[in-house]
């Protein structure tokens, strides 16, 4: 009877550990993606800053390119950069949480 209780408790803990590890990996992948988006937005913004204000700039929409003022493109990239930074902070908090939970289940 005690062996069965220990076995069921072990299986429950093992299941939670597997679930937590899976969530941790998922959040880490999301974090990597957001860091890539942030870097892409930053580099694009830096390249746009080097252009003259009267330069024709185009925005890609699907397979089409639409003429957009440089200021609009810079605002969009700046917003993407800020959104990515906010998402990265939130995801880092989740990573910390899942690491602590995983550590808890190991001991």
PDB file of N, CA and C in Angstrom:
ATOM      1  N   UNK A   1       0.822  -1.185   0.000  1.00  0.00           N
ATOM      2  CA  UNK A   1       0.000   0.000   0.000  1.00  0.00           C
ATOM      3  C   UNK A   1       0.874   1.259   0.000  1.00  0.00           C
ATOM      4  N   UNK A   2       1.904   1.278   0.853  1.00  0.00           N
ATOM      5  CA  UNK A   2       2.801   2.430   0.917  1.00  0.00           C
ATOM      6  C   UNK A   2       3.596   2.552  -0.381  1.00  0.00           C
ATOM      7  N   UNK A   3       3.977   1.400  -0.960  1.00  0.00           N
ATOM      8  CA  UNK A   3       4.708   1.430  -2.224  1.00  0.00           C
ATOM      9  C   UNK A   3       3.857   2.044  -3.334  1.00  0.00           C
ATOM     10  N   UNK A   4       2.583   1.703  -3.336  1.00  0.00           N
ATOM     11  CA  UNK A   4       1.677   2.248  -4.351  1.00  0.00           C
ATOM     12  C   UNK A   4       1.513   3.762  -4.179  1.00  0.00           C
ATOM     13  N   UNK A   5       1.424   4.225  -2.946  1.00  0.00           N
ATOM     14  CA  UNK A   5       1.309   5.662  -2.676  1.00  0.00           C
ATOM     15  C   UNK A   5       2.585   6.392  -3.093  1.00  0.00           C
ATOM     16  N   UNK A   6       3.734   5.791  -2.790  1.00  0.00           N
ATOM     17  CA  UNK A   6       5.009   6.390  -3.194  1.00  0.00           C
ATOM     18  C   UNK A   6       5.127   6.442  -4.709  1.00  0.00           C
ATOM     19  N   UNK A   7       4.694   5.369  -5.352  1.00  0.00           N
ATOM     20  CA  UNK A   7       4.770   5.302  -6.816  1.00  0.00           C
ATOM     21  C   UNK A   7       3.883   6.374  -7.454  1.00  0.00           C
ATOM     22  N   UNK A   8       2.665   6.515  -6.952  1.00  0.00           N
ATOM     23  CA  UNK A   8       1.762   7.513  -7.534  1.00  0.00           C
ATOM     24  C   UNK A   8       2.277   8.932  -7.267  1.00  0.00           C
ATOM     25  N   UNK A   9       2.856   9.165  -6.087  1.00  0.00           N
ATOM     26  CA  UNK A   9       3.429  10.477  -5.778  1.00  0.00           C
ATOM     27  C   UNK A   9       4.618  10.766  -6.692  1.00  0.00           C
ATOM     28  N   UNK A  10       5.443   9.748  -6.909  1.00  0.00           N
ATOM     29  CA  UNK A  10       6.599   9.907  -7.799  1.00  0.00           C
ATOM     30  C   UNK A  10       6.150  10.224  -9.218  1.00  0.00           C
ATOM     31  N   UNK A  11       5.149   9.494  -9.709  1.00  0.00           N
ATOM     32  CA  UNK A  11       4.665   9.727 -11.068  1.00  0.00           C
ATOM     33  C   UNK A  11       4.065  11.125 -11.213  1.00  0.00           C
ATOM     34  N   UNK A  12       3.390  11.593 -10.175  1.00  0.00           N
ATOM     35  CA  UNK A  12       2.819  12.941 -10.211  1.00  0.00           C
ATOM     36  C   UNK A  12       3.928  13.987 -10.270  1.00  0.00           C
ATOM     37  N   UNK A  13       4.938  13.819  -9.432  1.00  0.00           N
ATOM     38  CA  UNK A  13       6.062  14.763  -9.417  1.00  0.00           C
ATOM     39  C   UNK A  13       6.815  14.714 -10.741  1.00  0.00           C
ATOM     40  N   UNK A  14       6.999  13.514 -11.261  1.00  0.00           N
ATOM     41  CA  UNK A  14       7.698  13.364 -12.536  1.00  0.00           C
ATOM     42  C   UNK A  14       6.911  14.060 -13.657  1.00  0.00           C
ATOM     43  N   UNK A  15       5.606  13.904 -13.654  1.00  0.00           N
ATOM     44  CA  UNK A  15       4.771  14.558 -14.661  1.00  0.00           C
ATOM     45  C   UNK A  15       4.854  16.070 -14.576  1.00  0.00           C
ATOM     46  N   UNK A  16       4.826  16.586 -13.363  1.00  0.00           N
ATOM     47  CA  UNK A  16       4.936  18.038 -13.184  1.00  0.00           C
ATOM     48  C   UNK A  16       6.302  18.543 -13.634  1.00  0.00           C
ATOM     49  N   UNK A  17       7.334  17.763 -13.355  1.00  0.00           N
ATOM     50  CA  UNK A  17       8.685  18.150 -13.753  1.00  0.00           C
ATOM     51  C   UNK A  17       8.801  18.194 -15.276  1.00  0.00           C
ATOM     52  N   UNK A  18       8.243  17.198 -15.938  1.00  0.00           N
ATOM     53  CA  UNK A  18       8.277  17.163 -17.402  1.00  0.00           C
ATOM     54  C   UNK A  18       7.501  18.351 -17.973  1.00  0.00           C
ATOM     55  N   UNK A  19       6.347  18.639 -17.391  1.00  0.00           N
ATOM     56  CA  UNK A  19       5.527  19.769 -17.839  1.00  0.00           C
ATOM     57  C   UNK A  19       6.266  21.089 -17.645  1.00  0.00           C
ATOM     58  N   UNK A  20       6.891  21.258 -16.487  1.00  0.00           N
ATOM     59  CA  UNK A  20       7.625  22.490 -16.191  1.00  0.00           C
ATOM     60  C   UNK A  20       8.818  22.650 -17.126  1.00  0.00           C
ATOM     61  N   UNK A  21       9.523  21.561 -17.381  1.00  0.00           N
ATOM     62  CA  UNK A  21      10.674  21.616 -18.281  1.00  0.00           C
ATOM     63  C   UNK A  21      10.232  21.988 -19.693  1.00  0.00           C
ATOM     64  N   UNK A  22       9.116  21.435 -20.132  1.00  0.00           N
ATOM     65  CA  UNK A  22       8.590  21.776 -21.455  1.00  0.00           C
ATOM     66  C   UNK A  22       8.216  23.243 -21.559  1.00  0.00           C
ATOM     67  N   UNK A  23       7.562  23.763 -20.529  1.00  0.00           N
ATOM     68  CA  UNK A  23       7.191  25.179 -20.524  1.00  0.00           C
ATOM     69  C   UNK A  23       8.427  26.066 -20.504  1.00  0.00           C
ATOM     70  N   UNK A  24       9.443  25.650 -19.748  1.00  0.00           N
ATOM     71  CA  UNK A  24      10.687  26.415 -19.678  1.00  0.00           C
ATOM     72  C   UNK A  24      11.338  26.498 -21.059  1.00  0.00           C
ATOM     73  N   UNK A  25      11.405  25.383 -21.763  1.00  0.00           N
ATOM     74  CA  UNK A  25      12.002  25.381 -23.104  1.00  0.00           C
ATOM     75  C   UNK A  25      11.202  26.251 -24.062  1.00  0.00           C
ATOM     76  N   UNK A  26       9.885  26.205 -23.948  1.00  0.00           N
ATOM     77  CA  UNK A  26       9.025  27.016 -24.801  1.00  0.00           C
ATOM     78  C   UNK A  26       9.267  28.505 -24.551  1.00  0.00           C
ATOM     79  N   UNK A  27       9.352  28.894 -23.294  1.00  0.00           N
ATOM     80  CA  UNK A  27       9.582  30.304 -22.954  1.00  0.00           C
ATOM     81  C   UNK A  27      10.982  30.734 -23.397  1.00  0.00           C
ATOM     82  N   UNK A  28      11.966  29.851 -23.268  1.00  0.00           N
ATOM     83  CA  UNK A  28      13.318  30.182 -23.713  1.00  0.00           C
ATOM     84  C   UNK A  28      13.353  30.403 -25.228  1.00  0.00           C
ATOM     85  N   UNK A  29      12.605  29.597 -25.982  1.00  0.00           N
ATOM     86  CA  UNK A  29      12.523  29.793 -27.432  1.00  0.00           C
ATOM     87  C   UNK A  29      11.853  31.124 -27.769  1.00  0.00           C
ATOM     88  N   UNK A  30      10.791  31.458 -27.050  1.00  0.00           N
ATOM     89  CA  UNK A  30      10.122  32.738 -27.267  1.00  0.00           C
ATOM     90  C   UNK A  30      11.071  33.891 -26.959  1.00  0.00           C
ATOM     91  N   UNK A  31      11.870  33.728 -25.912  1.00  0.00           N
ATOM     92  CA  UNK A  31      12.839  34.757 -25.534  1.00  0.00           C
ATOM     93  C   UNK A  31      13.875  34.951 -26.643  1.00  0.00           C
ATOM     94  N   UNK A  32      14.382  33.857 -27.188  1.00  0.00           N
ATOM     95  CA  UNK A  32      15.346  33.953 -28.292  1.00  0.00           C
ATOM     96  C   UNK A  32      14.725  34.651 -29.507  1.00  0.00           C
ATOM     97  N   UNK A  33      13.477  34.320 -29.810  1.00  0.00           N
ATOM     98  CA  UNK A  33      12.803  34.958 -30.946  1.00  0.00           C
ATOM     99  C   UNK A  33      12.640  36.459 -30.728  1.00  0.00           C
ATOM    100  N   UNK A  34      12.249  36.844 -29.531  1.00  0.00           N
ATOM    101  CA  UNK A  34      12.075  38.271 -29.230  1.00  0.00           C
ATOM    102  C   UNK A  34      13.406  39.010 -29.276  1.00  0.00           C
ATOM    103  N   UNK A  35      14.478  38.359 -28.820  1.00  0.00           N
ATOM    104  CA  UNK A  35      15.796  38.994 -28.891  1.00  0.00           C
ATOM    105  C   UNK A  35      16.206  39.203 -30.346  1.00  0.00           C
ATOM    106  N   UNK A  36      15.880  38.241 -31.206  1.00  0.00           N
ATOM    107  CA  UNK A  36      16.151  38.394 -32.639  1.00  0.00           C
ATOM    108  C   UNK A  36      15.345  39.532 -33.246  1.00  0.00           C
ATOM    109  N   UNK A  37      14.068  39.631 -32.877  1.00  0.00           N
ATOM    110  CA  UNK A  37      13.220  40.725 -33.360  1.00  0.00           C
ATOM    111  C   UNK A  37      13.767  42.072 -32.905  1.00  0.00           C
ATOM    112  N   UNK A  38      14.217  42.122 -31.657  1.00  0.00           N
ATOM    113  CA  UNK A  38      14.766  43.370 -31.120  1.00  0.00           C
ATOM    114  C   UNK A  38      16.016  43.782 -31.896  1.00  0.00           C
ATOM    115  N   UNK A  39      16.889  42.833 -32.148  1.00  0.00           N
ATOM    116  CA  UNK A  39      18.122  43.131 -32.866  1.00  0.00           C
ATOM    117  C   UNK A  39      17.823  43.580 -34.296  1.00  0.00           C
ATOM    118  N   UNK A  40      16.874  42.905 -34.943  1.00  0.00           N
ATOM    119  CA  UNK A  40      16.497  43.264 -36.304  1.00  0.00           C
ATOM    120  C   UNK A  40      15.918  44.688 -36.350  1.00  0.00           C
ATOM    121  N   UNK A  41      15.057  45.008 -35.384  1.00  0.00           N
ATOM    122  CA  UNK A  41      14.468  46.350 -35.332  1.00  0.00           C
ATOM    123  C   UNK A  41      15.548  47.405 -35.076  1.00  0.00           C
ATOM    124  N   UNK A  42      16.478  47.099 -34.187  1.00  0.00           N
ATOM    125  CA  UNK A  42      17.558  48.039 -33.874  1.00  0.00           C
ATOM    126  C   UNK A  42      18.432  48.295 -35.104  1.00  0.00           C
ATOM    127  N   UNK A  43      18.823  47.214 -35.785  1.00  0.00           N
ATOM    128  CA  UNK A  43      19.681  47.369 -36.961  1.00  0.00           C
ATOM    129  C   UNK A  43      18.966  48.123 -38.081  1.00  0.00           C
ATOM    130  N   UNK A  44      17.690  47.831 -38.275  1.00  0.00           N
ATOM    131  CA  UNK A  44      16.914  48.536 -39.294  1.00  0.00           C
ATOM    132  C   UNK A  44      16.810  50.020 -38.949  1.00  0.00           C
ATOM    133  N   UNK A  45      16.577  50.313 -37.693  1.00  0.00           N
ATOM    134  CA  UNK A  45      16.481  51.705 -37.241  1.00  0.00           C
ATOM    135  C   UNK A  45      17.801  52.438 -37.460  1.00  0.00           C
ATOM    136  N   UNK A  46      18.906  51.779 -37.163  1.00  0.00           N
ATOM    137  CA  UNK A  46      20.221  52.397 -37.371  1.00  0.00           C
ATOM    138  C   UNK A  46      20.470  52.679 -38.853  1.00  0.00           C
ATOM    139  N   UNK A  47      20.067  51.770 -39.721  1.00  0.00           N
ATOM    140  CA  UNK A  47      20.241  51.989 -41.159  1.00  0.00           C
ATOM    141  C   UNK A  47      19.344  53.123 -41.650  1.00  0.00           C
ATOM    142  N   UNK A  48      18.124  53.196 -41.122  1.00  0.00           N
ATOM    143  CA  UNK A  48      17.215  54.273 -41.528  1.00  0.00           C
ATOM    144  C   UNK A  48      17.740  55.637 -41.089  1.00  0.00           C
ATOM    145  N   UNK A  49      18.397  55.700 -39.947  1.00  0.00           N
ATOM    146  CA  UNK A  49      18.938  56.972 -39.450  1.00  0.00           C
ATOM    147  C   UNK A  49      20.001  57.533 -40.391  1.00  0.00           C
ATOM    148  N   UNK A  50      20.702  56.655 -41.097  1.00  0.00           N
ATOM    149  CA  UNK A  50      21.771  57.088 -41.988  1.00  0.00           C
ATOM    150  C   UNK A  50      21.243  57.685 -43.290  1.00  0.00           C
ATOM    151  N   UNK A  51      19.979  57.409 -43.618  1.00  0.00           N
ATOM    152  CA  UNK A  51      19.411  57.899 -44.869  1.00  0.00           C
ATOM    153  C   UNK A  51      19.010  59.365 -44.746  1.00  0.00           C
ATOM    154  N   UNK A  52      19.078  60.060 -45.869  1.00  0.00           N
ATOM    155  CA  UNK A  52      18.604  61.446 -45.907  1.00  0.00           C
ATOM    156  C   UNK A  52      17.083  61.449 -45.765  1.00  0.00           C
ATOM    157  N   UNK A  53      16.545  62.560 -45.274  1.00  0.00           N
ATOM    158  CA  UNK A  53      15.100  62.633 -45.041  1.00  0.00           C
ATOM    159  C   UNK A  53      14.282  62.570 -46.327  1.00  0.00           C
ATOM    160  N   UNK A  54      14.867  62.988 -47.450  1.00  0.00           N
ATOM    161  CA  UNK A  54      14.115  62.985 -48.706  1.00  0.00           C
ATOM    162  C   UNK A  54      14.274  61.683 -49.499  1.00  0.00           C
ATOM    163  N   UNK A  55      14.911  60.681 -48.918  1.00  0.00           N
ATOM    164  CA  UNK A  55      15.109  59.398 -49.586  1.00  0.00           C
ATOM    165  C   UNK A  55      13.787  58.637 -49.662  1.00  0.00           C
ATOM    166  N   UNK A  56      13.527  58.051 -50.828  1.00  0.00           N
ATOM    167  CA  UNK A  56      12.339  57.208 -50.964  1.00  0.00           C
ATOM    168  C   UNK A  56      12.558  55.924 -50.170  1.00  0.00           C
ATOM    169  N   UNK A  57      11.658  55.644 -49.271  1.00  0.00           N
ATOM    170  CA  UNK A  57      11.732  54.407 -48.490  1.00  0.00           C
ATOM    171  C   UNK A  57      10.461  53.615 -48.727  1.00  0.00           C
ATOM    172  N   UNK A  58      10.601  52.303 -48.709  1.00  0.00           N
ATOM    173  CA  UNK A  58       9.485  51.419 -49.018  1.00  0.00           C
ATOM    174  C   UNK A  58       9.270  50.425 -47.892  1.00  0.00           C
ATOM    175  N   UNK A  59       8.014  50.116 -47.678  1.00  0.00           N
ATOM    176  CA  UNK A  59       7.633  49.133 -46.664  1.00  0.00           C
ATOM    177  C   UNK A  59       7.177  47.872 -47.386  1.00  0.00           C
ATOM    178  N   UNK A  60       7.661  46.741 -46.920  1.00  0.00           N
ATOM    179  CA  UNK A  60       7.290  45.463 -47.516  1.00  0.00           C
ATOM    180  C   UNK A  60       5.992  44.966 -46.892  1.00  0.00           C
ATOM    181  N   UNK A  61       5.023  44.690 -47.743  1.00  0.00           N
ATOM    182  CA  UNK A  61       3.760  44.102 -47.298  1.00  0.00           C
ATOM    183  C   UNK A  61       3.518  42.893 -48.193  1.00  0.00           C
ATOM    184  N   UNK A  62       3.790  41.719 -47.650  1.00  0.00           N
ATOM    185  CA  UNK A  62       3.684  40.509 -48.469  1.00  0.00           C
ATOM    186  C   UNK A  62       4.715  40.556 -49.574  1.00  0.00           C
ATOM    187  N   UNK A  63       4.248  40.482 -50.827  1.00  0.00           N
ATOM    188  CA  UNK A  63       5.158  40.569 -51.967  1.00  0.00           C
ATOM    189  C   UNK A  63       5.192  41.974 -52.561  1.00  0.00           C
ATOM    190  N   UNK A  64       4.507  42.892 -51.930  1.00  0.00           N
ATOM    191  CA  UNK A  64       4.381  44.250 -52.443  1.00  0.00           C
ATOM    192  C   UNK A  64       5.221  45.214 -51.606  1.00  0.00           C
ATOM    193  N   UNK A  65       5.748  46.220 -52.267  1.00  0.00           N
ATOM    194  CA  UNK A  65       6.471  47.283 -51.577  1.00  0.00           C
ATOM    195  C   UNK A  65       5.694  48.578 -51.752  1.00  0.00           C
ATOM    196  N   UNK A  66       5.431  49.257 -50.635  1.00  0.00           N
ATOM    197  CA  UNK A  66       4.645  50.482 -50.646  1.00  0.00           C
ATOM    198  C   UNK A  66       5.532  51.632 -50.187  1.00  0.00           C
ATOM    199  N   UNK A  67       5.455  52.734 -50.928  1.00  0.00           N
ATOM    200  CA  UNK A  67       6.228  53.927 -50.589  1.00  0.00           C
ATOM    201  C   UNK A  67       5.722  54.502 -49.270  1.00  0.00           C
ATOM    202  N   UNK A  68       6.623  54.645 -48.309  1.00  0.00           N
ATOM    203  CA  UNK A  68       6.291  55.196 -46.987  1.00  0.00           C
ATOM    204  C   UNK A  68       7.335  56.248 -46.639  1.00  0.00           C
ATOM    205  N   UNK A  69       6.935  57.305 -45.959  1.00  0.00           N
ATOM    206  CA  UNK A  69       7.925  58.284 -45.496  1.00  0.00           C
ATOM    207  C   UNK A  69       8.892  57.641 -44.489  1.00  0.00           C
ATOM    208  N   UNK A  70      10.096  58.142 -44.490  1.00  0.00           N
ATOM    209  CA  UNK A  70      11.124  57.620 -43.588  1.00  0.00           C
ATOM    210  C   UNK A  70      10.676  57.716 -42.137  1.00  0.00           C
ATOM    211  N   UNK A  71      10.003  58.798 -41.781  1.00  0.00           N
ATOM    212  CA  UNK A  71       9.579  58.993 -40.390  1.00  0.00           C
ATOM    213  C   UNK A  71       8.607  57.905 -39.938  1.00  0.00           C
ATOM    214  N   UNK A  72       7.718  57.470 -40.822  1.00  0.00           N
ATOM    215  CA  UNK A  72       6.758  56.416 -40.475  1.00  0.00           C
ATOM    216  C   UNK A  72       7.490  55.102 -40.225  1.00  0.00           C
ATOM    217  N   UNK A  73       8.433  54.781 -41.101  1.00  0.00           N
ATOM    218  CA  UNK A  73       9.198  53.543 -40.925  1.00  0.00           C
ATOM    219  C   UNK A  73      10.023  53.583 -39.643  1.00  0.00           C
ATOM    220  N   UNK A  74      10.594  54.740 -39.338  1.00  0.00           N
ATOM    221  CA  UNK A  74      11.385  54.851 -38.110  1.00  0.00           C
ATOM    222  C   UNK A  74      10.506  54.695 -36.874  1.00  0.00           C
ATOM    223  N   UNK A  75       9.307  55.274 -36.905  1.00  0.00           N
ATOM    224  CA  UNK A  75       8.382  55.122 -35.775  1.00  0.00           C
ATOM    225  C   UNK A  75       7.983  53.660 -35.587  1.00  0.00           C
ATOM    226  N   UNK A  76       7.720  52.968 -36.692  1.00  0.00           N
ATOM    227  CA  UNK A  76       7.344  51.552 -36.606  1.00  0.00           C
ATOM    228  C   UNK A  76       8.474  50.711 -36.016  1.00  0.00           C
ATOM    229  N   UNK A  77       9.696  50.955 -36.474  1.00  0.00           N
ATOM    230  CA  UNK A  77      10.834  50.189 -35.964  1.00  0.00           C
ATOM    231  C   UNK A  77      11.105  50.519 -34.500  1.00  0.00           C
ATOM    232  N   UNK A  78      10.943  51.780 -34.139  1.00  0.00           N
ATOM    233  CA  UNK A  78      11.124  52.178 -32.742  1.00  0.00           C
ATOM    234  C   UNK A  78      10.081  51.496 -31.857  1.00  0.00           C
ATOM    235  N   UNK A  79       8.842  51.421 -32.336  1.00  0.00           N
ATOM    236  CA  UNK A  79       7.787  50.753 -31.572  1.00  0.00           C
ATOM    237  C   UNK A  79       8.063  49.255 -31.447  1.00  0.00           C
ATOM    238  N   UNK A  80       8.542  48.635 -32.537  1.00  0.00           N
ATOM    239  CA  UNK A  80       8.895  47.211 -32.483  1.00  0.00           C
ATOM    240  C   UNK A  80      10.005  46.976 -31.461  1.00  0.00           C
ATOM    241  N   UNK A  81      10.968  47.887 -31.434  1.00  0.00           N
ATOM    242  CA  UNK A  81      12.078  47.781 -30.489  1.00  0.00           C
ATOM    243  C   UNK A  81      11.574  47.861 -29.053  1.00  0.00           C
ATOM    244  N   UNK A  82      10.695  48.821 -28.778  1.00  0.00           N
ATOM    245  CA  UNK A  82      10.151  48.971 -27.425  1.00  0.00           C
ATOM    246  C   UNK A  82       9.284  47.772 -27.033  1.00  0.00           C
ATOM    247  N   UNK A  83       8.462  47.293 -27.968  1.00  0.00           N
ATOM    248  CA  UNK A  83       7.616  46.128 -27.686  1.00  0.00           C
ATOM    249  C   UNK A  83       8.465  44.895 -27.389  1.00  0.00           C
ATOM    250  N   UNK A  84       9.525  44.717 -28.163  1.00  0.00           N
ATOM    251  CA  UNK A  84      10.409  43.570 -27.948  1.00  0.00           C
ATOM    252  C   UNK A  84      11.094  43.654 -26.593  1.00  0.00           C
ATOM    253  N   UNK A  85      11.537  44.843 -26.217  1.00  0.00           N
ATOM    254  CA  UNK A  85      12.193  45.006 -24.916  1.00  0.00           C
ATOM    255  C   UNK A  85      11.234  44.672 -23.778  1.00  0.00           C
ATOM    256  N   UNK A  86       9.989  45.115 -23.893  1.00  0.00           N
ATOM    257  CA  UNK A  86       8.995  44.821 -22.853  1.00  0.00           C
ATOM    258  C   UNK A  86       8.706  43.321 -22.789  1.00  0.00           C
ATOM    259  N   UNK A  87       8.591  42.694 -23.947  1.00  0.00           N
ATOM    260  CA  UNK A  87       8.330  41.253 -23.980  1.00  0.00           C
ATOM    261  C   UNK A  87       9.512  40.474 -23.413  1.00  0.00           C
ATOM    262  N   UNK A  88      10.724  40.932 -23.683  1.00  0.00           N
ATOM    263  CA  UNK A  88      11.919  40.252 -23.173  1.00  0.00           C
ATOM    264  C   UNK A  88      11.945  40.300 -21.652  1.00  0.00           C
ATOM    265  N   UNK A  89      11.597  41.439 -21.078  1.00  0.00           N
ATOM    266  CA  UNK A  89      11.568  41.556 -19.613  1.00  0.00           C
ATOM    267  C   UNK A  89      10.560  40.570 -19.030  1.00  0.00           C
ATOM    268  N   UNK A  90       9.376  40.500 -19.636  1.00  0.00           N
ATOM    269  CA  UNK A  90       8.340  39.584 -19.144  1.00  0.00           C
ATOM    270  C   UNK A  90       8.776  38.128 -19.297  1.00  0.00           C
ATOM    271  N   UNK A  91       9.385  37.804 -20.427  1.00  0.00           N
ATOM    272  CA  UNK A  91       9.820  36.424 -20.656  1.00  0.00           C
ATOM    273  C   UNK A  91      10.967  36.037 -19.731  1.00  0.00           C
ATOM    274  N   UNK A  92      11.857  36.974 -19.434  1.00  0.00           N
ATOM    275  CA  UNK A  92      12.941  36.675 -18.498  1.00  0.00           C
ATOM    276  C   UNK A  92      12.391  36.371 -17.112  1.00  0.00           C
ATOM    277  N   UNK A  93      11.333  37.071 -16.727  1.00  0.00           N
ATOM    278  CA  UNK A  93      10.694  36.785 -15.439  1.00  0.00           C
ATOM    279  C   UNK A  93      10.090  35.382 -15.447  1.00  0.00           C
ATOM    280  N   UNK A  94       9.485  34.995 -16.566  1.00  0.00           N
ATOM    281  CA  UNK A  94       8.923  33.643 -16.677  1.00  0.00           C
ATOM    282  C   UNK A  94      10.011  32.577 -16.630  1.00  0.00           C
ATOM    283  N   UNK A  95      11.133  32.838 -17.296  1.00  0.00           N
ATOM    284  CA  UNK A  95      12.243  31.879 -17.269  1.00  0.00           C
ATOM    285  C   UNK A  95      12.719  31.696 -15.838  1.00  0.00           C
ATOM    286  N   UNK A  96      12.880  32.788 -15.116  1.00  0.00           N
ATOM    287  CA  UNK A  96      13.302  32.711 -13.716  1.00  0.00           C
ATOM    288  C   UNK A  96      12.310  31.903 -12.895  1.00  0.00           C
ATOM    289  N   UNK A  97      11.026  32.144 -13.114  1.00  0.00           N
ATOM    290  CA  UNK A  97       9.984  31.417 -12.390  1.00  0.00           C
ATOM    291  C   UNK A  97      10.065  29.916 -12.677  1.00  0.00           C
ATOM    292  N   UNK A  98      10.146  29.549 -13.954  1.00  0.00           N
ATOM    293  CA  UNK A  98      10.175  28.125 -14.300  1.00  0.00           C
ATOM    294  C   UNK A  98      11.454  27.439 -13.838  1.00  0.00           C
ATOM    295  N   UNK A  99      12.564  28.167 -13.821  1.00  0.00           N
ATOM    296  CA  UNK A  99      13.809  27.591 -13.301  1.00  0.00           C
ATOM    297  C   UNK A  99      13.657  27.304 -11.813  1.00  0.00           C
ATOM    298  N   UNK A 100      13.045  28.232 -11.085  1.00  0.00           N
ATOM    299  CA  UNK A 100      12.829  28.013  -9.648  1.00  0.00           C
ATOM    300  C   UNK A 100      11.868  26.854  -9.403  1.00  0.00           C
ATOM    301  N   UNK A 101      10.813  26.757 -10.198  1.00  0.00           N
ATOM    302  CA  UNK A 101       9.858  25.656 -10.049  1.00  0.00           C
ATOM    303  C   UNK A 101      10.537  24.327 -10.354  1.00  0.00           C
ATOM    304  N   UNK A 102      11.331  24.292 -11.426  1.00  0.00           N
ATOM    305  CA  UNK A 102      12.038  23.060 -11.776  1.00  0.00           C
ATOM    306  C   UNK A 102      13.013  22.674 -10.668  1.00  0.00           C
ATOM    307  N   UNK A 103      13.680  23.661 -10.099  1.00  0.00           N
ATOM    308  CA  UNK A 103      14.610  23.389  -9.000  1.00  0.00           C
ATOM    309  C   UNK A 103      13.849  22.837  -7.791  1.00  0.00           C
ATOM    310  N   UNK A 104      12.667  23.391  -7.534  1.00  0.00           N
ATOM    311  CA  UNK A 104      11.836  22.918  -6.423  1.00  0.00           C
ATOM    312  C   UNK A 104      11.446  21.452  -6.617  1.00  0.00           C
ATOM    313  N   UNK A 105      11.062  21.080  -7.832  1.00  0.00           N
ATOM    314  CA  UNK A 105      10.612  19.708  -8.077  1.00  0.00           C
ATOM    315  C   UNK A 105      11.762  18.704  -8.039  1.00  0.00           C
ATOM    316  N   UNK A 106      12.987  19.176  -8.229  1.00  0.00           N
ATOM    317  CA  UNK A 106      14.125  18.254  -8.188  1.00  0.00           C
ATOM    318  C   UNK A 106      14.459  17.842  -6.763  1.00  0.00           C
ATOM    319  N   UNK A 107      14.115  18.683  -5.797  1.00  0.00           N
ATOM    320  CA  UNK A 107      14.496  18.372  -4.414  1.00  0.00           C
ATOM    321  C   UNK A 107      13.320  18.165  -3.548  1.00  0.00           C
TER     322      UNK A 107
END
